[in-house]
Amino acid sequence: MTAESLDAIFDRLIRDIPDFPQPGVMFKDITPLLADHDGFTAVVQALAAAGRDESGAVCVDKVIGMEARGFILAAPVALALGVGFVPVRKPGKLPSATYAVSYSLEYGEATLEMHTDALVPGERVLLIDDVLATGGTAAATASLVAQGGGVVHALAVLMELSFLHGRGALGETPLLSLRTL
């Protein structure tokens, strides 16, 4: 892998798509990043740092990825940390009993679900998503973690859209954002 900085990787491999999924939204397309082995590896390693303590030891028991792009990032982060991966999905996508929470996001409403047996009470989890916007998805996922008896260690994201003030929805949850816009 090259010594290319994360900023250079982002500049080269994340593109803006205006008016997607609806007018007025500037979508950050990460598919070129995912297709680039070196860039994807660098991002996974950087996100995994949020699941380690100051000495570099793993300090989480699970990594949770939010549908859909959070899955793509969270699964390899879980592998890098040597812990399990838990998907948080849209309604009706998980085959067993679930906890559910509804919330607002920057352009609508949504509901997320997590299996009721996904966490052992007391497990520390790292939340992973692609973008922190209004914070609704992260806060909803933290609510699911609490319902399951887990403890949110931190949230790690590729990008924070600071103009949408999502940090405010996180409370005291530590945030690692690889890029703030």
Protein backbone atom coordinates (compact mmCIF):
# COMPACT_ATOMS: atom_id res chain seq x y z
CA MET A 1 0.00 0.00 0.00
CA THR A 2 1.22 3.49 -0.77
CA ALA A 3 1.74 6.22 1.79
CA GLU A 4 -1.03 8.29 0.20
CA SER A 5 -2.89 10.38 2.80
CA LEU A 6 -6.53 9.78 3.56
CA ASP A 7 -7.32 13.26 2.25
CA ALA A 8 -5.68 12.44 -1.07
CA ILE A 9 -7.53 9.11 -1.21
CA PHE A 10 -10.84 10.86 -0.57
CA ASP A 11 -10.13 13.55 -3.15
CA ARG A 12 -9.25 10.93 -5.74
CA LEU A 13 -11.90 8.29 -5.02
CA ILE A 14 -15.08 9.90 -3.65
CA ARG A 15 -17.25 11.75 -6.13
CA ASP A 16 -20.19 14.09 -5.71
CA ILE A 17 -23.50 13.20 -7.35
CA PRO A 18 -25.89 16.17 -7.26
CA ASP A 19 -29.62 15.72 -6.67
CA PHE A 20 -29.41 12.09 -5.57
CA PRO A 21 -31.49 10.43 -4.18
CA GLN A 22 -33.65 13.52 -4.50
CA PRO A 23 -33.27 17.17 -5.59
CA GLY A 24 -31.11 19.26 -3.31
CA VAL A 25 -29.08 16.37 -1.90
CA MET A 26 -25.37 16.13 -2.77
CA PHE A 27 -24.64 12.39 -2.60
CA LYS A 28 -21.11 11.24 -1.77
CA ASP A 29 -20.45 8.22 -4.02
CA ILE A 30 -17.92 5.91 -2.38
CA THR A 31 -18.06 3.15 -5.00
CA PRO A 32 -14.75 4.24 -6.61
CA LEU A 33 -13.14 4.05 -3.16
CA LEU A 34 -14.50 0.55 -2.62
CA ALA A 35 -13.11 -0.56 -5.99
CA ASP A 36 -9.59 0.63 -5.11
CA HIS A 37 -7.78 -1.95 -2.96
CA ASP A 38 -5.23 0.43 -1.46
CA GLY A 39 -7.76 3.17 -0.76
CA PHE A 40 -10.30 0.76 0.72
CA THR A 41 -7.63 -0.88 2.89
CA ALA A 42 -6.44 2.50 4.21
CA VAL A 43 -9.99 3.53 5.09
CA VAL A 44 -10.77 0.23 6.84
CA GLN A 45 -7.60 0.50 8.93
CA ALA A 46 -8.36 4.13 9.82
CA LEU A 47 -11.93 3.29 10.88
CA ALA A 48 -10.72 0.28 12.90
CA ALA A 49 -8.56 2.63 14.99
CA ALA A 50 -11.76 3.76 16.74
CA GLY A 51 -12.10 0.22 18.15
CA ARG A 52 -8.66 0.22 19.73
CA ASP A 53 -7.38 1.83 22.92
CA GLU A 54 -4.29 4.02 23.27
CA SER A 55 -2.02 0.96 23.34
CA GLY A 56 -3.53 -0.43 20.14
CA ALA A 57 -5.44 -3.22 21.90
CA VAL A 58 -8.95 -4.01 20.67
CA CYS A 59 -11.49 -2.59 23.14
CA VAL A 60 -14.79 -3.54 21.48
CA ASP A 61 -16.68 -6.82 21.27
CA LYS A 62 -18.71 -6.16 18.11
CA VAL A 63 -18.85 -3.81 15.15
CA ILE A 64 -22.26 -2.64 14.00
CA GLY A 65 -22.88 -1.44 10.45
CA MET A 66 -25.96 0.47 9.43
CA GLU A 67 -27.74 -0.36 6.18
CA ALA A 68 -26.57 -0.08 3.56
CA ARG A 69 -23.17 1.48 3.02
CA GLY A 70 -22.29 1.02 6.67
CA PHE A 71 -22.35 -2.75 6.03
CA ILE A 72 -19.69 -2.45 3.38
CA LEU A 73 -17.36 -0.65 5.76
CA ALA A 74 -18.24 -2.34 9.06
CA ALA A 75 -17.70 -5.96 8.01
CA PRO A 76 -14.02 -5.51 7.07
CA VAL A 77 -13.49 -3.30 10.15
CA ALA A 78 -14.82 -6.16 12.29
CA LEU A 79 -12.39 -8.54 10.57
CA ALA A 80 -9.51 -6.10 11.12
CA LEU A 81 -10.36 -5.96 14.82
CA GLY A 82 -10.98 -9.70 15.16
CA VAL A 83 -14.55 -9.26 16.44
CA GLY A 84 -18.06 -10.02 15.21
CA PHE A 85 -20.18 -7.94 12.85
CA VAL A 86 -23.83 -7.04 13.51
CA PRO A 87 -26.04 -5.65 10.73
CA VAL A 88 -28.65 -3.01 11.46
CA ARG A 89 -31.24 -3.22 8.70
CA LYS A 90 -34.39 -1.73 7.27
CA PRO A 91 -37.66 -3.33 8.44
CA GLY A 92 -38.46 -6.84 7.32
CA LYS A 93 -34.90 -7.74 6.25
CA LEU A 94 -33.83 -9.69 9.34
CA PRO A 95 -35.27 -13.20 9.74
CA SER A 96 -35.58 -13.43 13.54
CA ALA A 97 -37.03 -11.32 16.38
CA THR A 98 -35.86 -7.70 16.26
CA TYR A 99 -35.76 -4.44 18.15
CA ALA A 100 -36.93 -1.51 16.01
CA VAL A 101 -36.58 2.26 16.14
CA SER A 102 -37.93 4.96 13.82
CA TYR A 103 -36.18 8.30 13.26
CA SER A 104 -35.80 11.32 10.99
CA LEU A 105 -32.97 11.77 8.53
CA GLU A 106 -31.94 14.70 6.38
CA TYR A 107 -34.48 13.92 3.64
CA GLY A 108 -37.23 11.80 5.20
CA GLU A 109 -38.14 9.22 7.81
CA ALA A 110 -36.73 5.73 8.36
CA THR A 111 -36.86 2.69 10.63
CA LEU A 112 -34.00 0.39 11.56
CA GLU A 113 -33.99 -3.05 13.16
CA MET A 114 -31.46 -5.27 14.92
CA HIS A 115 -31.83 -8.89 16.02
CA THR A 116 -32.74 -9.18 19.70
CA ASP A 117 -29.97 -11.74 20.20
CA ALA A 118 -27.26 -9.79 18.35
CA LEU A 119 -25.59 -8.52 21.53
CA VAL A 120 -24.75 -10.00 24.90
CA PRO A 121 -25.59 -7.52 27.67
CA GLY A 122 -22.56 -5.37 28.44
CA GLU A 123 -20.84 -5.84 25.10
CA ARG A 124 -19.01 -2.76 23.83
CA VAL A 125 -19.73 -1.90 20.23
CA LEU A 126 -18.22 0.29 17.56
CA LEU A 127 -20.77 1.83 15.20
CA ILE A 128 -19.67 2.30 11.58
CA ASP A 129 -21.36 4.28 8.83
CA ASP A 130 -20.31 6.13 5.72
CA VAL A 131 -21.69 9.59 6.54
CA LEU A 132 -22.77 11.41 9.68
CA ALA A 133 -25.41 13.90 8.54
CA THR A 134 -28.19 14.85 10.99
CA GLY A 135 -27.19 12.08 13.38
CA GLY A 136 -30.56 10.35 13.17
CA THR A 137 -29.21 7.01 11.93
CA ALA A 138 -26.43 6.98 14.53
CA ALA A 139 -28.78 7.93 17.37
CA ALA A 140 -31.33 5.31 16.26
CA THR A 141 -28.63 2.65 16.14
CA ALA A 142 -27.37 3.66 19.58
CA SER A 143 -30.95 3.20 20.80
CA LEU A 144 -31.00 -0.32 19.34
CA VAL A 145 -27.70 -1.08 21.07
CA ALA A 146 -29.17 0.08 24.39
CA GLN A 147 -32.28 -2.06 23.82
CA GLY A 148 -29.96 -5.02 23.27
CA GLY A 149 -28.02 -4.32 26.47
CA GLY A 150 -24.87 -3.17 24.71
CA VAL A 151 -22.72 -0.10 25.25
CA VAL A 152 -21.69 2.17 22.39
CA HIS A 153 -17.93 2.69 22.53
CA ALA A 154 -17.70 5.09 19.57
CA LEU A 155 -19.00 5.98 16.13
CA ALA A 156 -16.60 6.01 13.19
CA VAL A 157 -17.56 7.44 9.80
CA LEU A 158 -15.91 8.25 6.52
CA MET A 159 -17.38 11.75 6.40
CA GLU A 160 -19.16 14.15 8.70
CA LEU A 161 -21.41 16.75 7.09
CA SER A 162 -20.83 19.34 9.82
CA PHE A 163 -23.35 21.82 8.41
CA LEU A 164 -26.12 19.34 9.38
CA HIS A 165 -24.96 19.30 13.04
CA GLY A 166 -25.15 15.53 13.52
CA ARG A 167 -22.67 15.58 16.40
CA GLY A 168 -25.41 17.09 18.52
CA ALA A 169 -27.48 13.91 18.24
CA LEU A 170 -24.60 11.77 19.55
CA GLY A 171 -24.53 13.01 23.13
CA GLU A 172 -21.28 11.88 24.74
CA THR A 173 -20.53 9.21 22.12
CA PRO A 174 -16.98 9.66 20.81
CA LEU A 175 -16.83 10.31 17.05
CA LEU A 176 -14.04 9.50 14.62
CA SER A 177 -14.66 11.16 11.26
CA LEU A 178 -12.04 10.61 8.58
CA ARG A 179 -13.16 13.81 6.82
CA THR A 180 -15.33 16.71 7.93
CA LEU A 181 -17.15 18.70 5.29
